[in-house]
Amino acid sequence: MINPEIILKNDGCTIQEYDLINEIGTHFYHSAVINNQGIAISAGYGSSIHDSRKIAFSEYLERKYIAELKSTSYEKSSWGFDLISTGCGFAFGYEKNKTELRSLSEAVERWVLSNCIDEKYKMEKVNYKNLNLGKITNWYLSQFEKVHFYFKEVLIHHQGSFIKFYALLCVAVSGKGVYQGSSARMHFNEDLFLHAIIESFRHLLIVRNNKVINTFPENRIRFFANNADLALDQINSAYKTEWPLPSLKFQKTQIMNENCFLARTILHGWSCWNTSDLNRFLY
């Protein structure tokens, strides 16, 4: 069996955690895996510390496997690194079908945001104040002066049937800056909003607490922490309403050791987020 504590210790990593019990009156955990340079490299959240740690560790293993796959020329081509050089579209998990669907959802998320920012396809703005969001989501929302949500419904053909996804972009305002978060789910529910606002909050903490490393995505996070108007202009200038249909460009699932699965999905028609200039609002 995989032993998270042993793997993290051998890799020189530790776990940092906090619980929102004092802020919201109920347990809600956030766990982050910290490498030996003090940088958070994976994270998870949940109403139990077990769930929070499980997600953080799964994300850590996903990135660990990606780094290993990219280290050989054979694996680079067989896992689509020649198409998209980053880890976009990967998912790691313990159930094949769920892992593949999470991989597909991340691919949809990347595709939607790139088409909005780069190609000016319009996402619809959501008035989240009309939604019945819980106290956990509302606490994260309260950490910002203002929050904007934009969504796009996507229908994609996968394994003989059509699957509907909802992609959400969060733009959280604090001071002169904005902090991006995003998510994609098969259901338009609170978890869609919670995941996105937590991402925005993590990016806010990077600017507040982490040392400057000046590489992607940290450099763009810090750039837009002082350029809110530029980010909002890129979203609000989108005008095309007839979106293209997404289609699969690459898809692979492989069983790893200990009955774990690694999956990757890449869609046609988008540009990798780490390309272009610093002022491109994608990270």
Protein backbone atom coordinates (compact mmCIF):
# COMPACT_ATOMS: atom_id res chain seq x y z
CA MET A 1 0.00 0.00 0.00
CA ILE A 2 1.09 3.59 -0.62
CA ASN A 3 2.22 5.28 2.57
CA PRO A 4 1.92 9.07 2.19
CA GLU A 5 3.99 9.89 5.27
CA ILE A 6 6.95 7.81 4.11
CA ILE A 7 6.85 9.16 0.54
CA LEU A 8 6.67 12.77 1.68
CA LYS A 9 9.44 12.27 4.22
CA ASN A 10 11.71 10.61 1.66
CA ASP A 11 11.08 13.50 -0.74
CA GLY A 12 11.87 16.08 1.94
CA CYS A 13 8.31 17.41 2.08
CA THR A 14 6.06 18.39 4.97
CA ILE A 15 2.35 19.16 5.36
CA GLN A 16 0.97 22.51 6.53
CA GLU A 17 -2.69 22.72 7.53
CA TYR A 18 -5.32 25.04 8.89
CA ASP A 19 -8.87 24.56 10.08
CA LEU A 20 -11.60 27.20 9.74
CA ILE A 21 -13.37 26.11 12.93
CA ASN A 22 -12.68 29.43 14.68
CA GLU A 23 -13.79 31.48 11.69
CA ILE A 24 -16.98 29.70 10.65
CA GLY A 25 -17.88 27.48 13.61
CA THR A 26 -17.44 24.19 11.75
CA HIS A 27 -14.44 22.14 10.71
CA PHE A 28 -13.11 22.79 7.23
CA TYR A 29 -9.52 21.83 6.52
CA HIS A 30 -6.94 22.97 4.01
CA SER A 31 -3.79 20.86 3.62
CA ALA A 32 -0.71 21.80 1.60
CA VAL A 33 2.38 19.78 0.76
CA ILE A 34 5.48 21.95 1.18
CA ASN A 35 8.79 21.05 -0.47
CA ASN A 36 12.23 21.53 1.05
CA GLN A 37 12.40 25.04 -0.41
CA GLY A 38 9.29 26.10 1.46
CA ILE A 39 7.08 26.19 -1.64
CA ALA A 40 3.57 24.70 -1.68
CA ILE A 41 3.42 22.16 -4.50
CA SER A 42 0.02 20.58 -3.91
CA ALA A 43 -3.07 21.22 -1.82
CA GLY A 44 -6.40 19.80 -0.79
CA TYR A 45 -9.46 20.81 1.18
CA GLY A 46 -12.40 19.11 2.84
CA SER A 47 -14.73 18.89 5.82
CA SER A 48 -12.53 16.15 7.28
CA ILE A 49 -8.76 16.22 7.66
CA HIS A 50 -8.62 12.78 6.01
CA ASP A 51 -10.27 14.10 2.83
CA SER A 52 -8.12 17.21 2.82
CA ARG A 53 -4.89 15.26 3.16
CA LYS A 54 -5.99 12.64 0.61
CA ILE A 55 -6.58 15.29 -2.06
CA ALA A 56 -3.30 17.07 -1.29
CA PHE A 57 -1.36 13.82 -1.44
CA SER A 58 -3.07 12.70 -4.67
CA GLU A 59 -2.16 16.01 -6.29
CA TYR A 60 1.39 15.60 -5.03
CA LEU A 61 1.67 12.12 -6.55
CA GLU A 62 0.20 13.42 -9.81
CA ARG A 63 2.93 16.07 -10.05
CA LYS A 64 5.60 13.62 -8.95
CA TYR A 65 4.61 11.22 -11.73
CA ILE A 66 4.49 14.05 -14.27
CA ALA A 67 8.03 15.11 -13.37
CA GLU A 68 9.23 11.51 -13.78
CA LEU A 69 7.45 11.11 -17.14
CA LYS A 70 8.96 14.33 -18.47
CA SER A 71 12.45 13.14 -17.60
CA THR A 72 12.65 10.72 -20.56
CA SER A 73 12.19 11.47 -24.26
CA TYR A 74 9.98 8.38 -24.71
CA GLU A 75 7.51 9.42 -22.05
CA LYS A 76 7.41 13.00 -23.32
CA SER A 77 5.93 11.92 -26.64
CA SER A 78 3.73 9.14 -25.28
CA TRP A 79 2.04 11.45 -22.76
CA GLY A 80 1.48 14.42 -25.08
CA PHE A 81 4.22 16.70 -23.76
CA ASP A 82 5.08 17.42 -27.39
CA LEU A 83 1.57 18.92 -27.68
CA ILE A 84 1.33 20.70 -24.30
CA SER A 85 4.57 20.93 -22.35
CA THR A 86 3.00 21.53 -18.93
CA GLY A 87 0.97 19.18 -16.71
CA CYS A 88 -2.38 20.52 -17.92
CA GLY A 89 -5.05 17.84 -18.34
CA PHE A 90 -3.52 15.33 -15.93
CA ALA A 91 -5.39 13.64 -13.09
CA PHE A 92 -4.35 11.00 -10.56
CA GLY A 93 -6.73 8.78 -8.64
CA TYR A 94 -7.67 5.37 -7.32
CA GLU A 95 -10.67 4.70 -9.61
CA LYS A 96 -10.21 4.59 -13.38
CA ASN A 97 -13.50 6.19 -14.46
CA LYS A 98 -13.39 9.01 -11.90
CA THR A 99 -9.76 9.76 -12.74
CA GLU A 100 -10.56 9.98 -16.45
CA LEU A 101 -13.50 12.32 -15.81
CA ARG A 102 -11.37 14.63 -13.64
CA SER A 103 -8.77 14.69 -16.39
CA LEU A 104 -11.47 15.58 -18.90
CA SER A 105 -12.86 18.32 -16.65
CA GLU A 106 -9.44 19.93 -16.34
CA ALA A 107 -9.01 19.79 -20.11
CA VAL A 108 -12.38 21.53 -20.52
CA GLU A 109 -11.38 24.17 -17.95
CA ARG A 110 -8.15 24.96 -19.84
CA TRP A 111 -9.95 25.05 -23.18
CA VAL A 112 -12.70 27.40 -22.00
CA LEU A 113 -10.44 29.95 -20.31
CA SER A 114 -8.00 30.06 -23.21
CA ASN A 115 -10.83 30.63 -25.68
CA CYS A 116 -12.25 33.42 -23.52
CA ILE A 117 -8.97 35.30 -22.94
CA ASP A 118 -7.22 34.56 -26.24
CA GLU A 119 -10.02 34.22 -28.77
CA LYS A 120 -12.63 36.52 -27.17
CA TYR A 121 -15.40 33.98 -26.74
CA LYS A 122 -17.76 35.34 -24.11
CA MET A 123 -18.41 33.66 -20.78
CA GLU A 124 -21.62 34.49 -18.95
CA LYS A 125 -21.40 36.45 -15.70
CA VAL A 126 -22.98 34.83 -12.63
CA ASN A 127 -24.70 36.77 -9.87
CA TYR A 128 -23.57 34.48 -7.07
CA LYS A 129 -25.47 36.51 -4.47
CA ASN A 130 -28.66 34.95 -5.83
CA LEU A 131 -27.29 31.49 -5.09
CA ASN A 132 -27.62 29.66 -1.81
CA LEU A 133 -23.91 29.29 -1.06
CA GLY A 134 -22.89 27.93 2.34
CA LYS A 135 -20.86 29.54 5.10
CA ILE A 136 -17.61 27.93 3.98
CA THR A 137 -17.81 29.43 0.49
CA ASN A 138 -19.04 32.72 1.91
CA TRP A 139 -16.06 32.92 4.27
CA TYR A 140 -13.65 32.68 1.34
CA LEU A 141 -15.70 35.23 -0.59
CA SER A 142 -15.48 37.60 2.39
CA GLN A 143 -11.69 37.65 2.16
CA PHE A 144 -11.98 39.83 -0.96
CA GLU A 145 -13.48 43.23 -1.60
CA LYS A 146 -15.41 41.98 -4.62
CA VAL A 147 -15.67 38.71 -6.55
CA HIS A 148 -16.69 38.15 -10.17
CA PHE A 149 -17.75 34.74 -11.51
CA TYR A 150 -18.09 33.80 -15.19
CA PHE A 151 -19.22 30.43 -16.51
CA LYS A 152 -19.55 28.45 -19.72
CA GLU A 153 -21.57 25.28 -20.26
CA VAL A 154 -19.71 22.78 -22.44
CA LEU A 155 -20.97 19.60 -24.11
CA ILE A 156 -18.26 17.16 -25.18
CA HIS A 157 -18.37 13.71 -26.79
CA HIS A 158 -16.55 11.14 -24.70
CA GLN A 159 -16.52 7.35 -25.00
CA GLY A 160 -19.70 7.10 -27.02
CA SER A 161 -21.83 9.67 -25.21
CA PHE A 162 -22.06 13.41 -24.58
CA ILE A 163 -21.07 14.80 -21.19
CA LYS A 164 -21.97 18.24 -19.94
CA PHE A 165 -19.45 20.27 -17.98
CA TYR A 166 -19.67 23.67 -16.35
CA ALA A 167 -16.47 25.71 -16.44
CA LEU A 168 -16.17 28.59 -13.98
CA LEU A 169 -13.73 31.51 -13.84
CA CYS A 170 -13.34 33.40 -10.56
CA VAL A 171 -11.81 36.88 -10.48
CA ALA A 172 -11.40 37.98 -6.86
CA VAL A 173 -10.53 41.62 -6.21
CA SER A 174 -8.24 42.80 -3.42
CA GLY A 175 -6.72 46.27 -3.49
CA LYS A 176 -5.26 47.08 -6.90
CA GLY A 177 -5.17 43.44 -7.93
CA VAL A 178 -7.20 40.41 -8.87
CA TYR A 179 -6.62 36.74 -8.14
CA GLN A 180 -7.73 34.11 -10.61
CA GLY A 181 -9.39 30.85 -9.70
CA SER A 182 -11.17 28.33 -11.88
CA SER A 183 -12.91 24.98 -11.86
CA ALA A 184 -14.92 22.64 -14.05
CA ARG A 185 -17.53 20.20 -12.83
CA MET A 186 -20.33 18.05 -14.21
CA HIS A 187 -22.80 19.79 -11.88
CA PHE A 188 -23.59 23.47 -11.38
CA ASN A 189 -23.39 23.35 -7.61
CA GLU A 190 -21.60 24.93 -4.67
CA ASP A 191 -18.45 22.86 -5.08
CA LEU A 192 -17.91 24.51 -8.46
CA PHE A 193 -17.80 27.91 -6.74
CA LEU A 194 -15.93 26.72 -3.65
CA HIS A 195 -13.07 25.22 -5.64
CA ALA A 196 -12.65 28.37 -7.74
CA ILE A 197 -12.68 30.83 -4.83
CA ILE A 198 -10.24 28.66 -2.86
CA GLU A 199 -7.85 28.82 -5.81
CA SER A 200 -8.15 32.61 -5.78
CA PHE A 201 -7.47 32.64 -2.03
CA ARG A 202 -4.38 30.45 -2.48
CA HIS A 203 -3.05 32.90 -5.05
CA LEU A 204 -3.67 35.77 -2.64
CA LEU A 205 -1.64 33.93 0.01
CA ILE A 206 1.21 33.37 -2.46
CA VAL A 207 1.54 37.13 -2.91
CA ARG A 208 1.24 37.81 0.81
CA ASN A 209 3.46 35.07 2.19
CA ASN A 210 5.79 33.52 -0.39
CA LYS A 211 9.16 34.69 -1.59
CA VAL A 212 9.45 35.99 -5.15
CA ILE A 213 10.66 33.33 -7.60
CA ASN A 214 9.71 35.08 -10.87
CA THR A 215 8.71 31.99 -12.84
CA PHE A 216 5.32 30.94 -14.21
CA PRO A 217 2.74 30.97 -12.68
CA GLU A 218 4.07 32.98 -9.73
CA ASN A 219 5.19 35.86 -11.95
CA ARG A 220 1.70 36.29 -13.44
CA ILE A 221 0.01 35.95 -10.06
CA ARG A 222 2.13 38.85 -8.80
CA PHE A 223 1.67 40.88 -11.98
CA PHE A 224 -2.12 40.78 -11.77
CA ALA A 225 -1.96 41.44 -8.02
CA ASN A 226 -1.32 45.03 -9.16
CA ASN A 227 -3.21 45.13 -12.46
CA ALA A 228 -6.88 44.41 -11.82
CA ASP A 229 -8.16 46.59 -14.66
CA LEU A 230 -6.03 44.82 -17.24
CA ALA A 231 -7.39 41.43 -16.21
CA LEU A 232 -11.03 42.55 -16.18
CA ASP A 233 -10.61 44.25 -19.56
CA GLN A 234 -9.47 40.97 -21.11
CA ILE A 235 -12.60 39.19 -19.87
CA ASN A 236 -15.08 41.97 -20.54
CA SER A 237 -13.78 42.57 -24.08
CA ALA A 238 -14.85 39.07 -25.13
CA TYR A 239 -17.72 39.40 -27.61
CA LYS A 240 -18.10 36.15 -29.60
CA THR A 241 -21.17 34.16 -28.56
CA GLU A 242 -21.04 31.20 -30.99
CA TRP A 243 -18.48 28.99 -29.30
CA PRO A 244 -16.70 26.21 -31.25
CA LEU A 245 -17.35 22.61 -30.27
CA PRO A 246 -14.58 21.02 -28.19
CA SER A 247 -13.04 17.76 -29.38
CA LEU A 248 -10.45 15.36 -28.06
CA LYS A 249 -6.89 15.71 -29.31
CA PHE A 250 -5.14 13.38 -26.88
CA GLN A 251 -6.32 11.00 -24.20
CA LYS A 252 -4.50 8.34 -22.23
CA THR A 253 -4.99 6.42 -19.00
CA GLN A 254 -2.41 4.16 -17.41
CA ILE A 255 -2.42 2.09 -14.25
CA MET A 256 0.47 2.98 -11.99
CA ASN A 257 1.82 1.08 -9.02
CA GLU A 258 -0.46 0.12 -6.13
CA ASN A 259 -3.58 0.12 -8.38
CA CYS A 260 -3.50 3.87 -8.96
CA PHE A 261 -4.38 5.56 -12.24
CA LEU A 262 -2.89 8.45 -14.15
CA ALA A 263 -4.90 10.03 -16.95
CA ARG A 264 -4.35 12.89 -19.36
CA THR A 265 -6.71 14.68 -21.74
CA ILE A 266 -5.93 17.47 -24.21
CA LEU A 267 -8.54 19.18 -26.39
CA HIS A 268 -8.11 20.76 -29.79
CA GLY A 269 -8.15 24.53 -30.13
CA TRP A 270 -6.46 26.23 -27.19
CA SER A 271 -3.08 27.66 -26.23
CA CYS A 272 -1.08 26.50 -23.23
CA TRP A 273 -1.46 28.91 -20.32
CA ASN A 274 2.28 29.42 -19.74
CA THR A 275 2.90 30.89 -23.19
CA SER A 276 2.80 34.52 -24.39
CA ASP A 277 3.44 37.72 -22.44
CA LEU A 278 3.26 38.38 -18.72
CA ASN A 279 0.02 40.35 -19.16
CA ARG A 280 -1.99 37.35 -20.43
CA PHE A 281 -4.57 36.65 -17.70
CA LEU A 282 -4.12 32.90 -17.54
CA TYR A 283 -2.35 30.93 -14.85
